All heavy atoms as atom14 arrays in JSON, in Angstrom:
{
  "sequence": "FQACFVSATAVAAHTSTAAVGAHQIVLQLWMFLALVLDSLA",
  "atom14_mask": [
    [1, 1, 1, 1, 1, 1, 1, 1, 1, 1, 1, 0, 0, 0],
    [1, 1, 1, 1, 1, 1, 1, 1, 1, 0, 0, 0, 0, 0],
    [1, 1, 1, 1, 1, 0, 0, 0, 0, 0, 0, 0, 0, 0],
    [1, 1, 1, 1, 1, 1, 0, 0, 0, 0, 0, 0, 0, 0],
    [1, 1, 1, 1, 1, 1, 1, 1, 1, 1, 1, 0, 0, 0],
    [1, 1, 1, 1, 1, 1, 1, 0, 0, 0, 0, 0, 0, 0],
    [1, 1, 1, 1, 1, 1, 0, 0, 0, 0, 0, 0, 0, 0],
    [1, 1, 1, 1, 1, 0, 0, 0, 0, 0, 0, 0, 0, 0],
    [1, 1, 1, 1, 1, 1, 1, 0, 0, 0, 0, 0, 0, 0],
    [1, 1, 1, 1, 1, 0, 0, 0, 0, 0, 0, 0, 0, 0],
    [1, 1, 1, 1, 1, 1, 1, 0, 0, 0, 0, 0, 0, 0],
    [1, 1, 1, 1, 1, 0, 0, 0, 0, 0, 0, 0, 0, 0],
    [1, 1, 1, 1, 1, 0, 0, 0, 0, 0, 0, 0, 0, 0],
    [1, 1, 1, 1, 1, 1, 1, 1, 1, 1, 0, 0, 0, 0],
    [1, 1, 1, 1, 1, 1, 1, 0, 0, 0, 0, 0, 0, 0],
    [1, 1, 1, 1, 1, 1, 0, 0, 0, 0, 0, 0, 0, 0],
    [1, 1, 1, 1, 1, 1, 1, 0, 0, 0, 0, 0, 0, 0],
    [1, 1, 1, 1, 1, 0, 0, 0, 0, 0, 0, 0, 0, 0],
    [1, 1, 1, 1, 1, 0, 0, 0, 0, 0, 0, 0, 0, 0],
    [1, 1, 1, 1, 1, 1, 1, 0, 0, 0, 0, 0, 0, 0],
    [1, 1, 1, 1, 0, 0, 0, 0, 0, 0, 0, 0, 0, 0],
    [1, 1, 1, 1, 1, 0, 0, 0, 0, 0, 0, 0, 0, 0],
    [1, 1, 1, 1, 1, 1, 1, 1, 1, 1, 0, 0, 0, 0],
    [1, 1, 1, 1, 1, 1, 1, 1, 1, 0, 0, 0, 0, 0],
    [1, 1, 1, 1, 1, 1, 1, 1, 0, 0, 0, 0, 0, 0],
    [1, 1, 1, 1, 1, 1, 1, 0, 0, 0, 0, 0, 0, 0],
    [1, 1, 1, 1, 1, 1, 1, 1, 0, 0, 0, 0, 0, 0],
    [1, 1, 1, 1, 1, 1, 1, 1, 1, 0, 0, 0, 0, 0],
    [1, 1, 1, 1, 1, 1, 1, 1, 0, 0, 0, 0, 0, 0],
    [1, 1, 1, 1, 1, 1, 1, 1, 1, 1, 1, 1, 1, 1],
    [1, 1, 1, 1, 1, 1, 1, 1, 0, 0, 0, 0, 0, 0],
    [1, 1, 1, 1, 1, 1, 1, 1, 1, 1, 1, 0, 0, 0],
    [1, 1, 1, 1, 1, 1, 1, 1, 0, 0, 0, 0, 0, 0],
    [1, 1, 1, 1, 1, 0, 0, 0, 0, 0, 0, 0, 0, 0],
    [1, 1, 1, 1, 1, 1, 1, 1, 0, 0, 0, 0, 0, 0],
    [1, 1, 1, 1, 1, 1, 1, 0, 0, 0, 0, 0, 0, 0],
    [1, 1, 1, 1, 1, 1, 1, 1, 0, 0, 0, 0, 0, 0],
    [1, 1, 1, 1, 1, 1, 1, 1, 0, 0, 0, 0, 0, 0],
    [1, 1, 1, 1, 1, 1, 0, 0, 0, 0, 0, 0, 0, 0],
    [1, 1, 1, 1, 1, 1, 1, 1, 0, 0, 0, 0, 0, 0],
    [1, 1, 1, 1, 1, 0, 0, 0, 0, 0, 0, 0, 0, 0]
  ],
  "atom14_positions": [
    [[0.83, -1.21, 0.0], [0.0, 0.0, 0.0], [0.87, 1.26, 0.0], [0.61, 2.21, -0.75], [-0.91, 0.02, 1.23], [-2.09, -0.9, 1.15], [-2.28, -1.9, 2.09], [-3.05, -0.76, 0.14], [-3.37, -2.75, 2.02], [-4.15, -1.59, 0.08], [-4.3, -2.6, 1.01], [0.0, 0.0, 0.0], [0.0, 0.0, 0.0], [0.0, 0.0, 0.0]],
    [[1.89, 1.26, 0.86], [2.74, 2.45, 0.95], [3.46, 2.72, -0.36], [3.56, 3.88, -0.8], [3.76, 2.26, 2.08], [3.15, 2.18, 3.47], [2.33, 3.41, 3.81], [2.73, 4.54, 3.56], [1.16, 3.2, 4.38], [0.0, 0.0, 0.0], [0.0, 0.0, 0.0], [0.0, 0.0, 0.0], [0.0, 0.0, 0.0], [0.0, 0.0, 0.0]],
    [[3.95, 1.68, -1.01], [4.64, 1.86, -2.3], [3.71, 2.48, -3.32], [4.1, 3.36, -4.09], [5.16, 0.51, -2.79], [0.0, 0.0, 0.0], [0.0, 0.0, 0.0], [0.0, 0.0, 0.0], [0.0, 0.0, 0.0], [0.0, 0.0, 0.0], [0.0, 0.0, 0.0], [0.0, 0.0, 0.0], [0.0, 0.0, 0.0], [0.0, 0.0, 0.0]],
    [[2.46, 2.04, -3.32], [1.48, 2.56, -4.28], [1.19, 4.03, -4.03], [1.26, 4.86, -4.95], [0.18, 1.75, -4.19], [0.3, 0.09, -4.87], [0.0, 0.0, 0.0], [0.0, 0.0, 0.0], [0.0, 0.0, 0.0], [0.0, 0.0, 0.0], [0.0, 0.0, 0.0], [0.0, 0.0, 0.0], [0.0, 0.0, 0.0], [0.0, 0.0, 0.0]],
    [[0.89, 4.39, -2.8], [0.44, 5.75, -2.53], [1.6, 6.75, -2.54], [1.42, 7.91, -2.95], [-0.34, 5.8, -1.21], [-1.7, 5.16, -1.33], [-1.99, 3.99, -0.67], [-2.68, 5.72, -2.14], [-3.24, 3.38, -0.8], [-3.92, 5.14, -2.27], [-4.21, 3.96, -1.6], [0.0, 0.0, 0.0], [0.0, 0.0, 0.0], [0.0, 0.0, 0.0]],
    [[2.78, 6.32, -2.11], [3.95, 7.19, -2.23], [4.28, 7.44, -3.7], [4.56, 8.58, -4.11], [5.15, 6.6, -1.48], [6.43, 7.36, -1.82], [4.91, 6.63, 0.02], [0.0, 0.0, 0.0], [0.0, 0.0, 0.0], [0.0, 0.0, 0.0], [0.0, 0.0, 0.0], [0.0, 0.0, 0.0], [0.0, 0.0, 0.0], [0.0, 0.0, 0.0]],
    [[4.21, 6.39, -4.52], [4.47, 6.55, -5.96], [3.45, 7.49, -6.59], [3.81, 8.34, -7.41], [4.41, 5.17, -6.66], [5.45, 4.34, -6.21], [0.0, 0.0, 0.0], [0.0, 0.0, 0.0], [0.0, 0.0, 0.0], [0.0, 0.0, 0.0], [0.0, 0.0, 0.0], [0.0, 0.0, 0.0], [0.0, 0.0, 0.0], [0.0, 0.0, 0.0]],
    [[2.2, 7.34, -6.22], [1.15, 8.2, -6.79], [1.4, 9.67, -6.46], [1.28, 10.54, -7.33], [-0.22, 7.76, -6.28], [0.0, 0.0, 0.0], [0.0, 0.0, 0.0], [0.0, 0.0, 0.0], [0.0, 0.0, 0.0], [0.0, 0.0, 0.0], [0.0, 0.0, 0.0], [0.0, 0.0, 0.0], [0.0, 0.0, 0.0], [0.0, 0.0, 0.0]],
    [[1.77, 9.93, -5.21], [2.04, 11.31, -4.81], [3.27, 11.86, -5.53], [3.29, 13.01, -5.98], [2.24, 11.4, -3.29], [1.04, 10.94, -2.64], [2.54, 12.83, -2.85], [0.0, 0.0, 0.0], [0.0, 0.0, 0.0], [0.0, 0.0, 0.0], [0.0, 0.0, 0.0], [0.0, 0.0, 0.0], [0.0, 0.0, 0.0], [0.0, 0.0, 0.0]],
    [[4.31, 11.02, -5.68], [5.53, 11.44, -6.37], [5.23, 11.81, -7.84], [5.7, 12.82, -8.34], [6.59, 10.35, -6.31], [0.0, 0.0, 0.0], [0.0, 0.0, 0.0], [0.0, 0.0, 0.0], [0.0, 0.0, 0.0], [0.0, 0.0, 0.0], [0.0, 0.0, 0.0], [0.0, 0.0, 0.0], [0.0, 0.0, 0.0], [0.0, 0.0, 0.0]],
    [[4.43, 10.98, -8.51], [4.1, 11.25, -9.92], [3.23, 12.5, -10.02], [3.42, 13.32, -10.93], [3.41, 10.03, -10.56], [2.89, 10.37, -11.95], [4.39, 8.87, -10.62], [0.0, 0.0, 0.0], [0.0, 0.0, 0.0], [0.0, 0.0, 0.0], [0.0, 0.0, 0.0], [0.0, 0.0, 0.0], [0.0, 0.0, 0.0], [0.0, 0.0, 0.0]],
    [[2.28, 12.66, -9.12], [1.46, 13.87, -9.12], [2.32, 15.11, -8.92], [2.11, 16.14, -9.58], [0.38, 13.78, -8.04], [0.0, 0.0, 0.0], [0.0, 0.0, 0.0], [0.0, 0.0, 0.0], [0.0, 0.0, 0.0], [0.0, 0.0, 0.0], [0.0, 0.0, 0.0], [0.0, 0.0, 0.0], [0.0, 0.0, 0.0], [0.0, 0.0, 0.0]],
    [[3.32, 15.01, -8.04], [4.21, 16.15, -7.8], [5.02, 16.49, -9.03], [5.33, 17.67, -9.28], [5.12, 15.84, -6.61], [0.0, 0.0, 0.0], [0.0, 0.0, 0.0], [0.0, 0.0, 0.0], [0.0, 0.0, 0.0], [0.0, 0.0, 0.0], [0.0, 0.0, 0.0], [0.0, 0.0, 0.0], [0.0, 0.0, 0.0], [0.0, 0.0, 0.0]],
    [[5.4, 15.49, -9.81], [6.15, 15.74, -11.04], [5.26, 16.22, -12.18], [5.76, 16.71, -13.19], [6.89, 14.46, -11.48], [8.14, 14.21, -10.7], [8.14, 13.55, -9.48], [9.44, 14.52, -10.96], [9.39, 13.48, -9.04], [10.19, 14.05, -9.91], [0.0, 0.0, 0.0], [0.0, 0.0, 0.0], [0.0, 0.0, 0.0], [0.0, 0.0, 0.0]],
    [[3.96, 16.07, -12.03], [3.03, 16.49, -13.09], [2.86, 18.01, -13.07], [3.08, 18.68, -14.08], [1.66, 15.8, -12.92], [1.85, 14.38, -12.98], [0.68, 16.24, -14.0], [0.0, 0.0, 0.0], [0.0, 0.0, 0.0], [0.0, 0.0, 0.0], [0.0, 0.0, 0.0], [0.0, 0.0, 0.0], [0.0, 0.0, 0.0], [0.0, 0.0, 0.0]],
    [[2.46, 18.55, -11.92], [2.32, 20.0, -11.75], [1.97, 20.3, -10.31], [1.52, 19.41, -9.56], [1.23, 20.57, -12.67], [-0.06, 20.15, -12.24], [0.0, 0.0, 0.0], [0.0, 0.0, 0.0], [0.0, 0.0, 0.0], [0.0, 0.0, 0.0], [0.0, 0.0, 0.0], [0.0, 0.0, 0.0], [0.0, 0.0, 0.0], [0.0, 0.0, 0.0]],
    [[2.13, 21.56, -9.93], [1.76, 21.97, -8.57], [0.27, 21.81, -8.36], [-0.17, 21.35, -7.3], [2.17, 23.44, -8.35], [3.58, 23.57, -8.56], [1.83, 23.88, -6.94], [0.0, 0.0, 0.0], [0.0, 0.0, 0.0], [0.0, 0.0, 0.0], [0.0, 0.0, 0.0], [0.0, 0.0, 0.0], [0.0, 0.0, 0.0], [0.0, 0.0, 0.0]],
    [[-0.51, 22.16, -9.37], [-1.97, 22.01, -9.27], [-2.36, 20.56, -9.13], [-3.25, 20.2, -8.34], [-2.65, 22.64, -10.48], [0.0, 0.0, 0.0], [0.0, 0.0, 0.0], [0.0, 0.0, 0.0], [0.0, 0.0, 0.0], [0.0, 0.0, 0.0], [0.0, 0.0, 0.0], [0.0, 0.0, 0.0], [0.0, 0.0, 0.0], [0.0, 0.0, 0.0]],
    [[-1.7, 19.68, -9.87], [-2.03, 18.25, -9.83], [-1.75, 17.65, -8.46], [-2.56, 16.9, -7.91], [-1.25, 17.5, -10.9], [0.0, 0.0, 0.0], [0.0, 0.0, 0.0], [0.0, 0.0, 0.0], [0.0, 0.0, 0.0], [0.0, 0.0, 0.0], [0.0, 0.0, 0.0], [0.0, 0.0, 0.0], [0.0, 0.0, 0.0], [0.0, 0.0, 0.0]],
    [[-0.59, 17.97, -7.87], [-0.27, 17.38, -6.57], [-1.18, 17.95, -5.49], [-1.57, 17.25, -4.55], [1.21, 17.56, -6.22], [1.55, 19.01, -5.85], [1.61, 16.62, -5.09], [0.0, 0.0, 0.0], [0.0, 0.0, 0.0], [0.0, 0.0, 0.0], [0.0, 0.0, 0.0], [0.0, 0.0, 0.0], [0.0, 0.0, 0.0], [0.0, 0.0, 0.0]],
    [[-1.57, 19.22, -5.61], [-2.5, 19.81, -4.65], [-3.86, 19.14, -4.73], [-4.46, 18.77, -3.7], [0.0, 0.0, 0.0], [0.0, 0.0, 0.0], [0.0, 0.0, 0.0], [0.0, 0.0, 0.0], [0.0, 0.0, 0.0], [0.0, 0.0, 0.0], [0.0, 0.0, 0.0], [0.0, 0.0, 0.0], [0.0, 0.0, 0.0], [0.0, 0.0, 0.0]],
    [[-4.36, 18.95, -5.95], [-5.66, 18.28, -6.13], [-5.59, 16.84, -5.66], [-6.52, 16.34, -5.01], [-6.06, 18.35, -7.6], [0.0, 0.0, 0.0], [0.0, 0.0, 0.0], [0.0, 0.0, 0.0], [0.0, 0.0, 0.0], [0.0, 0.0, 0.0], [0.0, 0.0, 0.0], [0.0, 0.0, 0.0], [0.0, 0.0, 0.0], [0.0, 0.0, 0.0]],
    [[-4.49, 16.16, -5.98], [-4.32, 14.77, -5.57], [-4.32, 14.66, -4.04], [-4.94, 13.75, -3.48], [-3.01, 14.22, -6.13], [-2.71, 12.82, -5.71], [-3.4, 11.73, -6.18], [-1.79, 12.32, -4.83], [-2.92, 10.63, -5.64], [-1.95, 10.96, -4.81], [0.0, 0.0, 0.0], [0.0, 0.0, 0.0], [0.0, 0.0, 0.0], [0.0, 0.0, 0.0]],
    [[-3.66, 15.59, -3.38], [-3.59, 15.57, -1.92], [-4.98, 15.71, -1.31], [-5.34, 15.0, -0.36], [-2.67, 16.69, -1.41], [-2.58, 16.8, 0.11], [-1.88, 15.62, 0.76], [-1.35, 14.75, 0.08], [-1.92, 15.56, 2.07], [0.0, 0.0, 0.0], [0.0, 0.0, 0.0], [0.0, 0.0, 0.0], [0.0, 0.0, 0.0], [0.0, 0.0, 0.0]],
    [[-5.78, 16.61, -1.84], [-7.14, 16.8, -1.32], [-7.96, 15.52, -1.45], [-8.57, 15.03, -0.48], [-7.85, 17.96, -2.06], [-7.2, 19.3, -1.66], [-9.35, 17.98, -1.75], [-7.65, 20.46, -2.52], [0.0, 0.0, 0.0], [0.0, 0.0, 0.0], [0.0, 0.0, 0.0], [0.0, 0.0, 0.0], [0.0, 0.0, 0.0], [0.0, 0.0, 0.0]],
    [[-7.98, 14.96, -2.65], [-8.82, 13.8, -2.89], [-8.27, 12.57, -2.17], [-9.02, 11.76, -1.63], [-8.97, 13.53, -4.41], [-9.9, 12.35, -4.65], [-9.5, 14.77, -5.11], [0.0, 0.0, 0.0], [0.0, 0.0, 0.0], [0.0, 0.0, 0.0], [0.0, 0.0, 0.0], [0.0, 0.0, 0.0], [0.0, 0.0, 0.0], [0.0, 0.0, 0.0]],
    [[-6.94, 12.45, -2.11], [-6.34, 11.3, -1.43], [-6.64, 11.32, 0.06], [-6.92, 10.27, 0.67], [-4.83, 11.28, -1.66], [-4.09, 10.09, -1.04], [-4.56, 8.77, -1.65], [-2.58, 10.25, -1.21], [0.0, 0.0, 0.0], [0.0, 0.0, 0.0], [0.0, 0.0, 0.0], [0.0, 0.0, 0.0], [0.0, 0.0, 0.0], [0.0, 0.0, 0.0]],
    [[-6.59, 12.49, 0.69], [-6.89, 12.58, 2.11], [-8.35, 12.22, 2.39], [-8.66, 11.58, 3.41], [-6.55, 13.97, 2.66], [-5.07, 14.24, 2.72], [-4.29, 13.16, 3.43], [-4.59, 12.79, 4.57], [-3.26, 12.62, 2.78], [0.0, 0.0, 0.0], [0.0, 0.0, 0.0], [0.0, 0.0, 0.0], [0.0, 0.0, 0.0], [0.0, 0.0, 0.0]],
    [[-9.24, 12.63, 1.5], [-10.65, 12.22, 1.65], [-10.79, 10.71, 1.47], [-11.56, 10.06, 2.18], [-11.52, 12.96, 0.62], [-11.74, 14.45, 0.91], [-12.41, 15.12, -0.28], [-12.61, 14.63, 2.16], [0.0, 0.0, 0.0], [0.0, 0.0, 0.0], [0.0, 0.0, 0.0], [0.0, 0.0, 0.0], [0.0, 0.0, 0.0], [0.0, 0.0, 0.0]],
    [[-10.04, 10.15, 0.52], [-10.05, 8.7, 0.33], [-9.58, 7.98, 1.59], [-10.2, 7.02, 2.03], [-9.14, 8.34, -0.86], [-8.88, 6.88, -1.01], [-7.84, 6.17, -0.47], [-9.68, 5.92, -1.71], [-7.94, 4.83, -0.82], [-9.06, 4.65, -1.57], [-10.85, 6.01, -2.46], [-9.57, 3.5, -2.14], [-11.36, 4.86, -3.02], [-10.73, 3.63, -2.87]],
    [[-8.51, 8.48, 2.2], [-7.98, 7.86, 3.42], [-8.98, 7.98, 4.56], [-9.14, 7.04, 5.37], [-6.65, 8.52, 3.81], [-5.53, 8.31, 2.82], [-5.09, 6.56, 2.64], [-3.62, 6.69, 1.62], [0.0, 0.0, 0.0], [0.0, 0.0, 0.0], [0.0, 0.0, 0.0], [0.0, 0.0, 0.0], [0.0, 0.0, 0.0], [0.0, 0.0, 0.0]],
    [[-9.65, 9.12, 4.65], [-10.64, 9.31, 5.72], [-11.8, 8.33, 5.56], [-12.23, 7.68, 6.52], [-11.16, 10.75, 5.72], [-12.29, 10.97, 6.69], [-12.04, 11.01, 8.06], [-13.6, 11.11, 6.24], [-13.08, 11.19, 8.95], [-14.64, 11.29, 7.13], [-14.39, 11.33, 8.5], [0.0, 0.0, 0.0], [0.0, 0.0, 0.0], [0.0, 0.0, 0.0]],
    [[-12.3, 8.2, 4.34], [-13.41, 7.27, 4.11], [-12.96, 5.82, 4.28], [-13.76, 4.97, 4.66], [-14.02, 7.49, 2.73], [-14.76, 8.82, 2.54], [-15.53, 8.81, 1.23], [-15.7, 9.11, 3.7], [0.0, 0.0, 0.0], [0.0, 0.0, 0.0], [0.0, 0.0, 0.0], [0.0, 0.0, 0.0], [0.0, 0.0, 0.0], [0.0, 0.0, 0.0]],
    [[-11.69, 5.54, 4.01], [-11.17, 4.2, 4.27], [-11.27, 3.87, 5.76], [-11.6, 2.73, 6.13], [-9.73, 4.08, 3.8], [0.0, 0.0, 0.0], [0.0, 0.0, 0.0], [0.0, 0.0, 0.0], [0.0, 0.0, 0.0], [0.0, 0.0, 0.0], [0.0, 0.0, 0.0], [0.0, 0.0, 0.0], [0.0, 0.0, 0.0], [0.0, 0.0, 0.0]],
    [[-11.0, 4.87, 6.62], [-11.16, 4.66, 8.07], [-12.62, 4.39, 8.42], [-12.92, 3.51, 9.23], [-10.67, 5.89, 8.85], [-9.18, 6.18, 8.85], [-8.9, 7.44, 9.65], [-8.4, 5.02, 9.45], [0.0, 0.0, 0.0], [0.0, 0.0, 0.0], [0.0, 0.0, 0.0], [0.0, 0.0, 0.0], [0.0, 0.0, 0.0], [0.0, 0.0, 0.0]],
    [[-13.53, 5.13, 7.8], [-14.95, 4.94, 8.06], [-15.38, 3.53, 7.68], [-16.03, 2.82, 8.45], [-15.78, 5.99, 7.28], [-17.28, 5.7, 7.4], [-15.48, 7.4, 7.78], [0.0, 0.0, 0.0], [0.0, 0.0, 0.0], [0.0, 0.0, 0.0], [0.0, 0.0, 0.0], [0.0, 0.0, 0.0], [0.0, 0.0, 0.0], [0.0, 0.0, 0.0]],
    [[-15.0, 3.09, 6.49], [-15.37, 1.76, 6.02], [-14.63, 0.67, 6.8], [-15.15, -0.44, 6.97], [-15.07, 1.63, 4.53], [-15.95, 2.5, 3.61], [-15.4, 2.5, 2.19], [-17.39, 2.02, 3.63], [0.0, 0.0, 0.0], [0.0, 0.0, 0.0], [0.0, 0.0, 0.0], [0.0, 0.0, 0.0], [0.0, 0.0, 0.0], [0.0, 0.0, 0.0]],
    [[-13.45, 0.98, 7.3], [-12.66, 0.0, 8.04], [-13.32, -0.36, 9.36], [-13.04, -1.42, 9.93], [-11.25, 0.53, 8.29], [-10.23, -0.59, 8.4], [-10.43, -1.63, 7.76], [-9.23, -0.42, 9.12], [0.0, 0.0, 0.0], [0.0, 0.0, 0.0], [0.0, 0.0, 0.0], [0.0, 0.0, 0.0], [0.0, 0.0, 0.0], [0.0, 0.0, 0.0]],
    [[-14.2, 0.49, 9.87], [-14.9, 0.16, 11.12], [-15.78, -1.07, 10.93], [-15.9, -1.9, 11.84], [-15.72, 1.36, 11.6], [-16.72, 1.7, 10.65], [0.0, 0.0, 0.0], [0.0, 0.0, 0.0], [0.0, 0.0, 0.0], [0.0, 0.0, 0.0], [0.0, 0.0, 0.0], [0.0, 0.0, 0.0], [0.0, 0.0, 0.0], [0.0, 0.0, 0.0]],
    [[-16.39, -1.21, 9.76], [-17.16, -2.42, 9.46], [-16.24, -3.63, 9.37], [-16.59, -4.74, 9.79], [-17.92, -2.26, 8.15], [-19.32, -1.67, 8.19], [-19.89, -1.59, 6.77], [-20.25, -2.48, 9.07], [0.0, 0.0, 0.0], [0.0, 0.0, 0.0], [0.0, 0.0, 0.0], [0.0, 0.0, 0.0], [0.0, 0.0, 0.0], [0.0, 0.0, 0.0]],
    [[-15.05, -3.43, 8.81], [-14.09, -4.52, 8.69], [-13.67, -5.03, 10.07], [-13.47, -6.23, 10.27], [-12.87, -4.07, 7.91], [0.0, 0.0, 0.0], [0.0, 0.0, 0.0], [0.0, 0.0, 0.0], [0.0, 0.0, 0.0], [0.0, 0.0, 0.0], [0.0, 0.0, 0.0], [0.0, 0.0, 0.0], [0.0, 0.0, 0.0], [0.0, 0.0, 0.0]]
  ]
}
């Protein structure tokens, strides 16, 4: 998991400042909802 998400952030950072900013927003929401769904797990 860490290899995937670190790689995704690195590629977004190399794409553009706007891309890495947008990726960070959506990724943090993804991580938050993963916690919500993990409670059922």
